[in-house]
């Protein structure tokens, strides 16, 4: 997936994609803490109910998806 960038000397840093091939570094965060804060903020911004979606730059990222509040 990152062959052209690697061949051009461009370092690939991924986020929350631990099994991604071809990256130089993957940055992971405390998912539980981040998710709790994100959902608290998200719920407040949409009035405590509704739908949301997370868009990703590539389909092979297994940790992202669609969820529902309420």
PDB file of N, CA and C in Angstrom:
ATOM      1  N   UNK A   1       0.811  -1.198   0.000  1.00  0.00           N
ATOM      2  CA  UNK A   1       0.000   0.000   0.000  1.00  0.00           C
ATOM      3  C   UNK A   1       0.861   1.271   0.000  1.00  0.00           C
ATOM      4  N   UNK A   2       1.985   1.246   0.673  1.00  0.00           N
ATOM      5  CA  UNK A   2       2.835   2.431   0.779  1.00  0.00           C
ATOM      6  C   UNK A   2       4.117   2.317  -0.041  1.00  0.00           C
ATOM      7  N   UNK A   3       4.170   1.409  -0.987  1.00  0.00           N
ATOM      8  CA  UNK A   3       5.396   1.122  -1.731  1.00  0.00           C
ATOM      9  C   UNK A   3       5.950   2.356  -2.446  1.00  0.00           C
ATOM     10  N   UNK A   4       5.099   3.116  -3.109  1.00  0.00           N
ATOM     11  CA  UNK A   4       5.586   4.294  -3.846  1.00  0.00           C
ATOM     12  C   UNK A   4       6.162   5.342  -2.904  1.00  0.00           C
ATOM     13  N   UNK A   5       5.488   5.569  -1.778  1.00  0.00           N
ATOM     14  CA  UNK A   5       5.997   6.551  -0.810  1.00  0.00           C
ATOM     15  C   UNK A   5       7.324   6.088  -0.229  1.00  0.00           C
ATOM     16  N   UNK A   6       7.416   4.816   0.139  1.00  0.00           N
ATOM     17  CA  UNK A   6       8.661   4.284   0.678  1.00  0.00           C
ATOM     18  C   UNK A   6       9.785   4.377  -0.349  1.00  0.00           C
ATOM     19  N   UNK A   7       9.495   4.055  -1.609  1.00  0.00           N
ATOM     20  CA  UNK A   7      10.502   4.129  -2.668  1.00  0.00           C
ATOM     21  C   UNK A   7      10.991   5.563  -2.877  1.00  0.00           C
ATOM     22  N   UNK A   8      10.118   6.532  -2.614  1.00  0.00           N
ATOM     23  CA  UNK A   8      10.486   7.943  -2.766  1.00  0.00           C
ATOM     24  C   UNK A   8      11.148   8.506  -1.513  1.00  0.00           C
ATOM     25  N   UNK A   9      11.311   7.649  -0.487  1.00  0.00           N
ATOM     26  CA  UNK A   9      11.951   8.104   0.748  1.00  0.00           C
ATOM     27  C   UNK A   9      11.017   8.840   1.692  1.00  0.00           C
ATOM     28  N   UNK A  10       9.729   8.703   1.497  1.00  0.00           N
ATOM     29  CA  UNK A  10       8.740   9.364   2.361  1.00  0.00           C
ATOM     30  C   UNK A  10       8.409   8.422   3.510  1.00  0.00           C
ATOM     31  N   UNK A  11       8.689   8.831   4.739  1.00  0.00           N
ATOM     32  CA  UNK A  11       8.376   7.956   5.883  1.00  0.00           C
ATOM     33  C   UNK A  11       6.867   7.903   6.118  1.00  0.00           C
ATOM     34  N   UNK A  12       6.362   6.709   6.391  1.00  0.00           N
ATOM     35  CA  UNK A  12       4.933   6.501   6.630  1.00  0.00           C
ATOM     36  C   UNK A  12       4.710   6.299   8.125  1.00  0.00           C
ATOM     37  N   UNK A  13       3.892   7.152   8.704  1.00  0.00           N
ATOM     38  CA  UNK A  13       3.514   7.034  10.109  1.00  0.00           C
ATOM     39  C   UNK A  13       2.007   6.837  10.148  1.00  0.00           C
ATOM     40  N   UNK A  14       1.577   5.718  10.714  1.00  0.00           N
ATOM     41  CA  UNK A  14       0.151   5.431  10.806  1.00  0.00           C
ATOM     42  C   UNK A  14      -0.337   5.685  12.231  1.00  0.00           C
ATOM     43  N   UNK A  15      -1.640   5.760  12.356  1.00  0.00           N
ATOM     44  CA  UNK A  15      -2.268   6.019  13.651  1.00  0.00           C
ATOM     45  C   UNK A  15      -3.365   4.988  13.861  1.00  0.00           C
ATOM     46  N   UNK A  16      -3.256   4.231  14.951  1.00  0.00           N
ATOM     47  CA  UNK A  16      -4.262   3.228  15.298  1.00  0.00           C
ATOM     48  C   UNK A  16      -4.411   2.171  14.198  1.00  0.00           C
ATOM     49  N   UNK A  17      -3.318   1.749  13.633  1.00  0.00           N
ATOM     50  CA  UNK A  17      -3.329   0.726  12.592  1.00  0.00           C
ATOM     51  C   UNK A  17      -2.154  -0.224  12.827  1.00  0.00           C
ATOM     52  N   UNK A  18      -2.207  -0.992  13.912  1.00  0.00           N
ATOM     53  CA  UNK A  18      -1.048  -1.756  14.370  1.00  0.00           C
ATOM     54  C   UNK A  18      -0.535  -2.828  13.421  1.00  0.00           C
ATOM     55  N   UNK A  19      -1.365  -3.365  12.542  1.00  0.00           N
ATOM     56  CA  UNK A  19      -0.924  -4.421  11.642  1.00  0.00           C
ATOM     57  C   UNK A  19      -0.626  -3.920  10.234  1.00  0.00           C
ATOM     58  N   UNK A  20      -0.583  -2.613  10.062  1.00  0.00           N
ATOM     59  CA  UNK A  20      -0.369  -2.038   8.736  1.00  0.00           C
ATOM     60  C   UNK A  20       1.040  -2.365   8.234  1.00  0.00           C
ATOM     61  N   UNK A  21       1.154  -2.847   7.016  1.00  0.00           N
ATOM     62  CA  UNK A  21       2.441  -3.185   6.412  1.00  0.00           C
ATOM     63  C   UNK A  21       3.032  -1.966   5.709  1.00  0.00           C
ATOM     64  N   UNK A  22       4.331  -1.784   5.829  1.00  0.00           N
ATOM     65  CA  UNK A  22       5.025  -0.733   5.103  1.00  0.00           C
ATOM     66  C   UNK A  22       5.185   0.575   5.849  1.00  0.00           C
ATOM     67  N   UNK A  23       4.686   0.638   7.074  1.00  0.00           N
ATOM     68  CA  UNK A  23       4.835   1.886   7.822  1.00  0.00           C
ATOM     69  C   UNK A  23       6.149   1.876   8.609  1.00  0.00           C
ATOM     70  N   UNK A  24       6.662   3.055   8.881  1.00  0.00           N
ATOM     71  CA  UNK A  24       7.858   3.208   9.691  1.00  0.00           C
ATOM     72  C   UNK A  24       7.498   3.154  11.171  1.00  0.00           C
ATOM     73  N   UNK A  25       6.354   3.739  11.525  1.00  0.00           N
ATOM     74  CA  UNK A  25       5.937   3.876  12.916  1.00  0.00           C
ATOM     75  C   UNK A  25       4.421   3.894  12.980  1.00  0.00           C
ATOM     76  N   UNK A  26       3.869   3.298  14.024  1.00  0.00           N
ATOM     77  CA  UNK A  26       2.431   3.372  14.278  1.00  0.00           C
ATOM     78  C   UNK A  26       2.234   4.010  15.645  1.00  0.00           C
ATOM     79  N   UNK A  27       1.403   5.024  15.717  1.00  0.00           N
ATOM     80  CA  UNK A  27       1.126   5.723  16.971  1.00  0.00           C
ATOM     81  C   UNK A  27      -0.158   5.163  17.570  1.00  0.00           C
ATOM     82  N   UNK A  28      -0.066   4.691  18.797  1.00  0.00           N
ATOM     83  CA  UNK A  28      -1.226   4.170  19.514  1.00  0.00           C
ATOM     84  C   UNK A  28      -1.501   5.070  20.716  1.00  0.00           C
ATOM     85  N   UNK A  29      -2.750   5.168  21.105  1.00  0.00           N
ATOM     86  CA  UNK A  29      -3.128   5.969  22.260  1.00  0.00           C
ATOM     87  C   UNK A  29      -3.861   5.086  23.259  1.00  0.00           C
ATOM     88  N   UNK A  30      -4.149   5.625  24.427  1.00  0.00           N
ATOM     89  CA  UNK A  30      -4.967   4.912  25.399  1.00  0.00           C
ATOM     90  C   UNK A  30      -6.400   4.953  24.873  1.00  0.00           C
ATOM     91  N   UNK A  31      -6.806   3.887  24.199  1.00  0.00           N
ATOM     92  CA  UNK A  31      -8.098   3.887  23.521  1.00  0.00           C
ATOM     93  C   UNK A  31      -9.281   4.086  24.455  1.00  0.00           C
ATOM     94  N   UNK A  32      -9.233   3.493  25.629  1.00  0.00           N
ATOM     95  CA  UNK A  32     -10.353   3.609  26.562  1.00  0.00           C
ATOM     96  C   UNK A  32     -10.544   5.063  26.998  1.00  0.00           C
ATOM     97  N   UNK A  33      -9.459   5.686  27.402  1.00  0.00           N
ATOM     98  CA  UNK A  33      -9.519   7.082  27.859  1.00  0.00           C
ATOM     99  C   UNK A  33      -9.944   8.022  26.718  1.00  0.00           C
ATOM    100  N   UNK A  34      -9.353   7.829  25.552  1.00  0.00           N
ATOM    101  CA  UNK A  34      -9.679   8.660  24.398  1.00  0.00           C
ATOM    102  C   UNK A  34     -11.150   8.486  24.015  1.00  0.00           C
ATOM    103  N   UNK A  35     -11.615   7.224  23.954  1.00  0.00           N
ATOM    104  CA  UNK A  35     -12.994   6.958  23.552  1.00  0.00           C
ATOM    105  C   UNK A  35     -13.997   7.548  24.536  1.00  0.00           C
ATOM    106  N   UNK A  36     -13.711   7.426  25.826  1.00  0.00           N
ATOM    107  CA  UNK A  36     -14.615   7.991  26.831  1.00  0.00           C
ATOM    108  C   UNK A  36     -14.746   9.501  26.659  1.00  0.00           C
ATOM    109  N   UNK A  37     -13.625  10.179  26.468  1.00  0.00           N
ATOM    110  CA  UNK A  37     -13.671  11.639  26.297  1.00  0.00           C
ATOM    111  C   UNK A  37     -14.338  12.003  24.977  1.00  0.00           C
ATOM    112  N   UNK A  38     -14.001  11.273  23.925  1.00  0.00           N
ATOM    113  CA  UNK A  38     -14.596  11.549  22.615  1.00  0.00           C
ATOM    114  C   UNK A  38     -16.111  11.384  22.656  1.00  0.00           C
ATOM    115  N   UNK A  39     -16.597  10.303  23.254  1.00  0.00           N
ATOM    116  CA  UNK A  39     -18.033  10.060  23.294  1.00  0.00           C
ATOM    117  C   UNK A  39     -18.755  11.057  24.192  1.00  0.00           C
ATOM    118  N   UNK A  40     -18.128  11.459  25.281  1.00  0.00           N
ATOM    119  CA  UNK A  40     -18.713  12.485  26.138  1.00  0.00           C
ATOM    120  C   UNK A  40     -18.888  13.779  25.352  1.00  0.00           C
ATOM    121  N   UNK A  41     -17.831  14.183  24.648  1.00  0.00           N
ATOM    122  CA  UNK A  41     -17.896  15.407  23.845  1.00  0.00           C
ATOM    123  C   UNK A  41     -18.886  15.261  22.692  1.00  0.00           C
ATOM    124  N   UNK A  42     -18.824  14.136  21.987  1.00  0.00           N
ATOM    125  CA  UNK A  42     -19.715  13.896  20.848  1.00  0.00           C
ATOM    126  C   UNK A  42     -21.178  13.954  21.278  1.00  0.00           C
ATOM    127  N   UNK A  43     -21.513  13.276  22.365  1.00  0.00           N
ATOM    128  CA  UNK A  43     -22.893  13.273  22.850  1.00  0.00           C
ATOM    129  C   UNK A  43     -23.351  14.688  23.199  1.00  0.00           C
ATOM    130  N   UNK A  44     -22.496  15.448  23.845  1.00  0.00           N
ATOM    131  CA  UNK A  44     -22.848  16.828  24.213  1.00  0.00           C
ATOM    132  C   UNK A  44     -23.110  17.669  22.958  1.00  0.00           C
ATOM    133  N   UNK A  45     -22.264  17.520  21.941  1.00  0.00           N
ATOM    134  CA  UNK A  45     -22.390  18.330  20.729  1.00  0.00           C
ATOM    135  C   UNK A  45     -23.634  17.997  19.920  1.00  0.00           C
ATOM    136  N   UNK A  46     -24.139  16.747  20.023  1.00  0.00           N
ATOM    137  CA  UNK A  46     -25.316  16.390  19.223  1.00  0.00           C
ATOM    138  C   UNK A  46     -26.577  16.243  20.069  1.00  0.00           C
ATOM    139  N   UNK A  47     -26.550  16.806  21.272  1.00  0.00           N
ATOM    140  CA  UNK A  47     -27.755  16.818  22.098  1.00  0.00           C
ATOM    141  C   UNK A  47     -28.095  15.491  22.741  1.00  0.00           C
ATOM    142  N   UNK A  48     -27.097  14.670  22.993  1.00  0.00           N
ATOM    143  CA  UNK A  48     -27.234  13.395  23.711  1.00  0.00           C
ATOM    144  C   UNK A  48     -27.891  12.263  22.928  1.00  0.00           C
ATOM    145  N   UNK A  49     -28.243  12.459  21.648  1.00  0.00           N
ATOM    146  CA  UNK A  49     -28.735  11.345  20.840  1.00  0.00           C
ATOM    147  C   UNK A  49     -28.516  11.651  19.373  1.00  0.00           C
ATOM    148  N   UNK A  50     -28.402  10.601  18.571  1.00  0.00           N
ATOM    149  CA  UNK A  50     -28.184  10.773  17.142  1.00  0.00           C
ATOM    150  C   UNK A  50     -27.219   9.733  16.601  1.00  0.00           C
ATOM    151  N   UNK A  51     -26.776   9.944  15.384  1.00  0.00           N
ATOM    152  CA  UNK A  51     -25.856   9.024  14.729  1.00  0.00           C
ATOM    153  C   UNK A  51     -24.576   9.764  14.371  1.00  0.00           C
ATOM    154  N   UNK A  52     -23.511   9.001  14.229  1.00  0.00           N
ATOM    155  CA  UNK A  52     -22.253   9.568  13.769  1.00  0.00           C
ATOM    156  C   UNK A  52     -21.496   8.512  12.993  1.00  0.00           C
ATOM    157  N   UNK A  53     -20.517   8.936  12.231  1.00  0.00           N
ATOM    158  CA  UNK A  53     -19.693   8.003  11.468  1.00  0.00           C
ATOM    159  C   UNK A  53     -18.247   8.506  11.500  1.00  0.00           C
ATOM    160  N   UNK A  54     -17.321   7.583  11.505  1.00  0.00           N
ATOM    161  CA  UNK A  54     -15.907   7.911  11.436  1.00  0.00           C
ATOM    162  C   UNK A  54     -15.433   7.568  10.026  1.00  0.00           C
ATOM    163  N   UNK A  55     -14.836   8.523   9.330  1.00  0.00           N
ATOM    164  CA  UNK A  55     -14.302   8.287   8.003  1.00  0.00           C
ATOM    165  C   UNK A  55     -12.814   8.017   8.118  1.00  0.00           C
ATOM    166  N   UNK A  56     -12.342   7.044   7.371  1.00  0.00           N
ATOM    167  CA  UNK A  56     -10.922   6.708   7.377  1.00  0.00           C
ATOM    168  C   UNK A  56     -10.356   6.862   5.975  1.00  0.00           C
ATOM    169  N   UNK A  57      -9.041   7.000   5.911  1.00  0.00           N
ATOM    170  CA  UNK A  57      -8.391   7.181   4.625  1.00  0.00           C
ATOM    171  C   UNK A  57      -8.207   5.893   3.838  1.00  0.00           C
ATOM    172  N   UNK A  58      -8.364   4.749   4.464  1.00  0.00           N
ATOM    173  CA  UNK A  58      -8.197   3.491   3.768  1.00  0.00           C
ATOM    174  C   UNK A  58      -9.043   2.401   4.402  1.00  0.00           C
ATOM    175  N   UNK A  59      -9.552   1.504   3.603  1.00  0.00           N
ATOM    176  CA  UNK A  59     -10.433   0.456   4.106  1.00  0.00           C
ATOM    177  C   UNK A  59      -9.748  -0.614   4.944  1.00  0.00           C
ATOM    178  N   UNK A  60      -8.424  -0.831   4.855  1.00  0.00           N
ATOM    179  CA  UNK A  60      -7.832  -1.927   5.623  1.00  0.00           C
ATOM    180  C   UNK A  60      -7.612  -1.634   7.105  1.00  0.00           C
ATOM    181  N   UNK A  61      -8.114  -0.512   7.606  1.00  0.00           N
ATOM    182  CA  UNK A  61      -7.932  -0.164   9.011  1.00  0.00           C
ATOM    183  C   UNK A  61      -9.071  -0.800   9.812  1.00  0.00           C
ATOM    184  N   UNK A  62      -8.790  -1.876  10.555  1.00  0.00           N
ATOM    185  CA  UNK A  62      -9.860  -2.612  11.231  1.00  0.00           C
ATOM    186  C   UNK A  62     -10.419  -1.950  12.480  1.00  0.00           C
ATOM    187  N   UNK A  63      -9.753  -0.948  13.019  1.00  0.00           N
ATOM    188  CA  UNK A  63     -10.170  -0.371  14.299  1.00  0.00           C
ATOM    189  C   UNK A  63     -11.193   0.745  14.172  1.00  0.00           C
ATOM    190  N   UNK A  64     -11.567   1.108  12.940  1.00  0.00           N
ATOM    191  CA  UNK A  64     -12.509   2.201  12.747  1.00  0.00           C
ATOM    192  C   UNK A  64     -13.827   1.669  12.219  1.00  0.00           C
ATOM    193  N   UNK A  65     -14.896   2.378  12.491  1.00  0.00           N
ATOM    194  CA  UNK A  65     -16.188   1.924  11.978  1.00  0.00           C
ATOM    195  C   UNK A  65     -17.306   2.887  12.298  1.00  0.00           C
ATOM    196  N   UNK A  66     -18.518   2.421  12.213  1.00  0.00           N
ATOM    197  CA  UNK A  66     -19.729   3.225  12.408  1.00  0.00           C
ATOM    198  C   UNK A  66     -20.403   2.799  13.695  1.00  0.00           C
ATOM    199  N   UNK A  67     -20.892   3.760  14.460  1.00  0.00           N
ATOM    200  CA  UNK A  67     -21.595   3.459  15.697  1.00  0.00           C
ATOM    201  C   UNK A  67     -22.814   4.364  15.839  1.00  0.00           C
ATOM    202  N   UNK A  68     -23.566   4.133  16.891  1.00  0.00           N
ATOM    203  CA  UNK A  68     -24.805   4.901  17.124  1.00  0.00           C
ATOM    204  C   UNK A  68     -24.905   5.267  18.594  1.00  0.00           C
ATOM    205  N   UNK A  69     -25.381   6.475  18.871  1.00  0.00           N
ATOM    206  CA  UNK A  69     -25.679   6.932  20.229  1.00  0.00           C
ATOM    207  C   UNK A  69     -27.173   6.863  20.456  1.00  0.00           C
ATOM    208  N   UNK A  70     -27.569   6.691  21.716  1.00  0.00           N
ATOM    209  CA  UNK A  70     -28.974   6.798  22.050  1.00  0.00           C
ATOM    210  C   UNK A  70     -29.716   5.494  22.064  1.00  0.00           C
TER     211      UNK A  70
END
